[in-house]
Amino acid sequence: MEPVYITAVLKAKQGNEQRLYEALLKVASPSRDEAGCQEYRLHQSAED
């Protein structure tokens, strides 16, 4: 099976940046543990 790459760009509503960041951190580890997951990365813009 060919690998599948998914890129998502999320922008928090003003005042909810920390809430979004914490939610993404919470799901990152379980997502990495999913069968077949080879890589799961979070990136944050230095400008936003």
PDB file of N, CA and C in Angstrom:
ATOM      1  N   MET A   1       0.842  -1.179   0.000  1.00  0.00           N
ATOM      2  CA  MET A   1       0.000   0.000   0.000  1.00  0.00           C
ATOM      3  C   MET A   1       0.891   1.247   0.000  1.00  0.00           C
ATOM      4  N   GLU A   2       0.502   2.213  -0.807  1.00  0.00           N
ATOM      5  CA  GLU A   2       1.238   3.474  -0.872  1.00  0.00           C
ATOM      6  C   GLU A   2       0.963   4.310   0.378  1.00  0.00           C
ATOM      7  N   PRO A   3       1.972   5.036   0.868  1.00  0.00           N
ATOM      8  CA  PRO A   3       1.735   5.896   2.024  1.00  0.00           C
ATOM      9  C   PRO A   3       0.776   7.031   1.681  1.00  0.00           C
ATOM     10  N   VAL A   4       0.066   7.488   2.686  1.00  0.00           N
ATOM     11  CA  VAL A   4      -0.847   8.619   2.546  1.00  0.00           C
ATOM     12  C   VAL A   4      -0.315   9.743   3.434  1.00  0.00           C
ATOM     13  N   TYR A   5      -0.188  10.922   2.865  1.00  0.00           N
ATOM     14  CA  TYR A   5       0.283  12.084   3.610  1.00  0.00           C
ATOM     15  C   TYR A   5      -0.868  13.071   3.742  1.00  0.00           C
ATOM     16  N   ILE A   6      -1.072  13.557   4.944  1.00  0.00           N
ATOM     17  CA  ILE A   6      -2.143  14.517   5.192  1.00  0.00           C
ATOM     18  C   ILE A   6      -1.536  15.750   5.854  1.00  0.00           C
ATOM     19  N   THR A   7      -1.863  16.907   5.325  1.00  0.00           N
ATOM     20  CA  THR A   7      -1.431  18.174   5.910  1.00  0.00           C
ATOM     21  C   THR A   7      -2.677  18.974   6.256  1.00  0.00           C
ATOM     22  N   ALA A   8      -2.736  19.448   7.468  1.00  0.00           N
ATOM     23  CA  ALA A   8      -3.873  20.268   7.894  1.00  0.00           C
ATOM     24  C   ALA A   8      -3.348  21.590   8.431  1.00  0.00           C
ATOM     25  N   VAL A   9      -4.001  22.665   8.071  1.00  0.00           N
ATOM     26  CA  VAL A   9      -3.650  23.988   8.581  1.00  0.00           C
ATOM     27  C   VAL A   9      -4.828  24.473   9.421  1.00  0.00           C
ATOM     28  N   LEU A  10      -4.560  24.722  10.686  1.00  0.00           N
ATOM     29  CA  LEU A  10      -5.602  25.158  11.614  1.00  0.00           C
ATOM     30  C   LEU A  10      -5.271  26.553  12.119  1.00  0.00           C
ATOM     31  N   LYS A  11      -6.261  27.386  12.246  1.00  0.00           N
ATOM     32  CA  LYS A  11      -6.066  28.726  12.796  1.00  0.00           C
ATOM     33  C   LYS A  11      -7.082  28.926  13.913  1.00  0.00           C
ATOM     34  N   ALA A  12      -6.571  29.154  15.110  1.00  0.00           N
ATOM     35  CA  ALA A  12      -7.443  29.356  16.267  1.00  0.00           C
ATOM     36  C   ALA A  12      -8.102  30.730  16.198  1.00  0.00           C
ATOM     37  N   LYS A  13      -9.316  30.792  16.703  1.00  0.00           N
ATOM     38  CA  LYS A  13      -9.960  32.094  16.850  1.00  0.00           C
ATOM     39  C   LYS A  13      -9.181  32.884  17.898  1.00  0.00           C
ATOM     40  N   GLN A  14      -9.184  34.187  17.748  1.00  0.00           N
ATOM     41  CA  GLN A  14      -8.458  35.041  18.670  1.00  0.00           C
ATOM     42  C   GLN A  14      -8.857  34.737  20.113  1.00  0.00           C
ATOM     43  N   GLY A  15      -7.856  34.548  20.948  1.00  0.00           N
ATOM     44  CA  GLY A  15      -8.092  34.238  22.354  1.00  0.00           C
ATOM     45  C   GLY A  15      -8.157  32.754  22.655  1.00  0.00           C
ATOM     46  N   ASN A  16      -8.198  31.911  21.622  1.00  0.00           N
ATOM     47  CA  ASN A  16      -8.282  30.462  21.813  1.00  0.00           C
ATOM     48  C   ASN A  16      -7.018  29.729  21.371  1.00  0.00           C
ATOM     49  N   GLU A  17      -5.938  30.458  21.165  1.00  0.00           N
ATOM     50  CA  GLU A  17      -4.704  29.849  20.676  1.00  0.00           C
ATOM     51  C   GLU A  17      -4.188  28.759  21.617  1.00  0.00           C
ATOM     52  N   GLN A  18      -4.154  29.048  22.901  1.00  0.00           N
ATOM     53  CA  GLN A  18      -3.649  28.071  23.871  1.00  0.00           C
ATOM     54  C   GLN A  18      -4.563  26.853  23.949  1.00  0.00           C
ATOM     55  N   ARG A  19      -5.844  27.083  23.869  1.00  0.00           N
ATOM     56  CA  ARG A  19      -6.819  25.980  23.919  1.00  0.00           C
ATOM     57  C   ARG A  19      -6.616  25.025  22.741  1.00  0.00           C
ATOM     58  N   LEU A  20      -6.423  25.566  21.542  1.00  0.00           N
ATOM     59  CA  LEU A  20      -6.176  24.730  20.365  1.00  0.00           C
ATOM     60  C   LEU A  20      -4.865  23.976  20.514  1.00  0.00           C
ATOM     61  N   TYR A  21      -3.828  24.674  20.956  1.00  0.00           N
ATOM     62  CA  TYR A  21      -2.516  24.054  21.149  1.00  0.00           C
ATOM     63  C   TYR A  21      -2.610  22.862  22.108  1.00  0.00           C
ATOM     64  N   GLU A  22      -3.280  23.045  23.221  1.00  0.00           N
ATOM     65  CA  GLU A  22      -3.417  21.972  24.210  1.00  0.00           C
ATOM     66  C   GLU A  22      -4.234  20.805  23.664  1.00  0.00           C
ATOM     67  N   ALA A  23      -5.277  21.093  22.900  1.00  0.00           N
ATOM     68  CA  ALA A  23      -6.093  20.027  22.308  1.00  0.00           C
ATOM     69  C   ALA A  23      -5.276  19.209  21.312  1.00  0.00           C
ATOM     70  N   LEU A  24      -4.457  19.878  20.523  1.00  0.00           N
ATOM     71  CA  LEU A  24      -3.626  19.160  19.552  1.00  0.00           C
ATOM     72  C   LEU A  24      -2.567  18.310  20.247  1.00  0.00           C
ATOM     73  N   LEU A  25      -1.981  18.831  21.310  1.00  0.00           N
ATOM     74  CA  LEU A  25      -1.010  18.037  22.069  1.00  0.00           C
ATOM     75  C   LEU A  25      -1.666  16.795  22.666  1.00  0.00           C
ATOM     76  N   LYS A  26      -2.897  16.946  23.114  1.00  0.00           N
ATOM     77  CA  LYS A  26      -3.624  15.837  23.743  1.00  0.00           C
ATOM     78  C   LYS A  26      -3.861  14.685  22.768  1.00  0.00           C
ATOM     79  N   VAL A  27      -4.136  14.989  21.505  1.00  0.00           N
ATOM     80  CA  VAL A  27      -4.420  13.929  20.530  1.00  0.00           C
ATOM     81  C   VAL A  27      -3.175  13.430  19.801  1.00  0.00           C
ATOM     82  N   ALA A  28      -2.064  14.146  19.919  1.00  0.00           N
ATOM     83  CA  ALA A  28      -0.855  13.769  19.180  1.00  0.00           C
ATOM     84  C   ALA A  28      -0.343  12.385  19.585  1.00  0.00           C
ATOM     85  N   SER A  29      -0.189  12.141  20.866  1.00  0.00           N
ATOM     86  CA  SER A  29       0.360  10.861  21.322  1.00  0.00           C
ATOM     87  C   SER A  29      -0.524   9.676  20.949  1.00  0.00           C
ATOM     88  N   PRO A  30      -1.841   9.723  21.220  1.00  0.00           N
ATOM     89  CA  PRO A  30      -2.687   8.598  20.805  1.00  0.00           C
ATOM     90  C   PRO A  30      -2.681   8.390  19.288  1.00  0.00           C
ATOM     91  N   SER A  31      -2.583   9.473  18.547  1.00  0.00           N
ATOM     92  CA  SER A  31      -2.539   9.347  17.083  1.00  0.00           C
ATOM     93  C   SER A  31      -1.267   8.642  16.641  1.00  0.00           C
ATOM     94  N   ARG A  32      -0.163   8.963  17.286  1.00  0.00           N
ATOM     95  CA  ARG A  32       1.109   8.306  16.959  1.00  0.00           C
ATOM     96  C   ARG A  32       1.059   6.813  17.284  1.00  0.00           C
ATOM     97  N   ASP A  33       0.257   6.435  18.266  1.00  0.00           N
ATOM     98  CA  ASP A  33       0.145   5.032  18.673  1.00  0.00           C
ATOM     99  C   ASP A  33      -0.779   4.213  17.781  1.00  0.00           C
ATOM    100  N   GLU A  34      -1.516   4.867  16.883  1.00  0.00           N
ATOM    101  CA  GLU A  34      -2.424   4.160  15.978  1.00  0.00           C
ATOM    102  C   GLU A  34      -1.646   3.214  15.071  1.00  0.00           C
ATOM    103  N   ALA A  35      -2.214   2.043  14.831  1.00  0.00           N
ATOM    104  CA  ALA A  35      -1.587   1.078  13.921  1.00  0.00           C
ATOM    105  C   ALA A  35      -1.408   1.728  12.554  1.00  0.00           C
ATOM    106  N   GLY A  36      -0.233   1.609  12.016  1.00  0.00           N
ATOM    107  CA  GLY A  36       0.040   2.136  10.684  1.00  0.00           C
ATOM    108  C   GLY A  36       0.561   3.561  10.666  1.00  0.00           C
ATOM    109  N   CYS A  37       0.430   4.278  11.774  1.00  0.00           N
ATOM    110  CA  CYS A  37       0.938   5.649  11.814  1.00  0.00           C
ATOM    111  C   CYS A  37       2.459   5.600  11.874  1.00  0.00           C
ATOM    112  N   GLN A  38       3.089   6.188  10.901  1.00  0.00           N
ATOM    113  CA  GLN A  38       4.547   6.205  10.864  1.00  0.00           C
ATOM    114  C   GLN A  38       5.119   7.520  11.370  1.00  0.00           C
ATOM    115  N   GLU A  39       4.332   8.568  11.271  1.00  0.00           N
ATOM    116  CA  GLU A  39       4.817   9.871  11.716  1.00  0.00           C
ATOM    117  C   GLU A  39       3.634  10.804  11.963  1.00  0.00           C
ATOM    118  N   TYR A  40       3.745  11.618  12.980  1.00  0.00           N
ATOM    119  CA  TYR A  40       2.702  12.596  13.306  1.00  0.00           C
ATOM    120  C   TYR A  40       3.427  13.802  13.870  1.00  0.00           C
ATOM    121  N   ARG A  41       3.385  14.900  13.166  1.00  0.00           N
ATOM    122  CA  ARG A  41       4.120  16.094  13.590  1.00  0.00           C
ATOM    123  C   ARG A  41       3.180  17.277  13.766  1.00  0.00           C
ATOM    124  N   LEU A  42       3.500  18.086  14.750  1.00  0.00           N
ATOM    125  CA  LEU A  42       2.802  19.354  14.947  1.00  0.00           C
ATOM    126  C   LEU A  42       3.807  20.478  14.713  1.00  0.00           C
ATOM    127  N   HIS A  43       3.372  21.490  14.008  1.00  0.00           N
ATOM    128  CA  HIS A  43       4.209  22.666  13.765  1.00  0.00           C
ATOM    129  C   HIS A  43       3.395  23.901  14.104  1.00  0.00           C
ATOM    130  N   GLN A  44       4.089  24.932  14.568  1.00  0.00           N
ATOM    131  CA  GLN A  44       3.414  26.186  14.871  1.00  0.00           C
ATOM    132  C   GLN A  44       4.143  27.316  14.164  1.00  0.00           C
ATOM    133  N   SER A  45       3.387  28.172  13.523  1.00  0.00           N
ATOM    134  CA  SER A  45       3.959  29.310  12.814  1.00  0.00           C
ATOM    135  C   SER A  45       4.650  30.249  13.795  1.00  0.00           C
ATOM    136  N   ALA A  46       5.803  30.744  13.410  1.00  0.00           N
ATOM    137  CA  ALA A  46       6.497  31.735  14.228  1.00  0.00           C
ATOM    138  C   ALA A  46       5.842  33.106  14.086  1.00  0.00           C
ATOM    139  N   GLU A  47       5.008  33.255  13.063  1.00  0.00           N
ATOM    140  CA  GLU A  47       4.378  34.544  12.787  1.00  0.00           C
ATOM    141  C   GLU A  47       2.970  34.656  13.355  1.00  0.00           C
ATOM    142  N   ASP A  48       2.311  33.555  13.598  1.00  0.00           N
ATOM    143  CA  ASP A  48       0.926  33.571  14.082  1.00  0.00           C
ATOM    144  C   ASP A  48       0.836  33.043  15.481  1.00  0.00           C
TER     145      ASP A  48
END
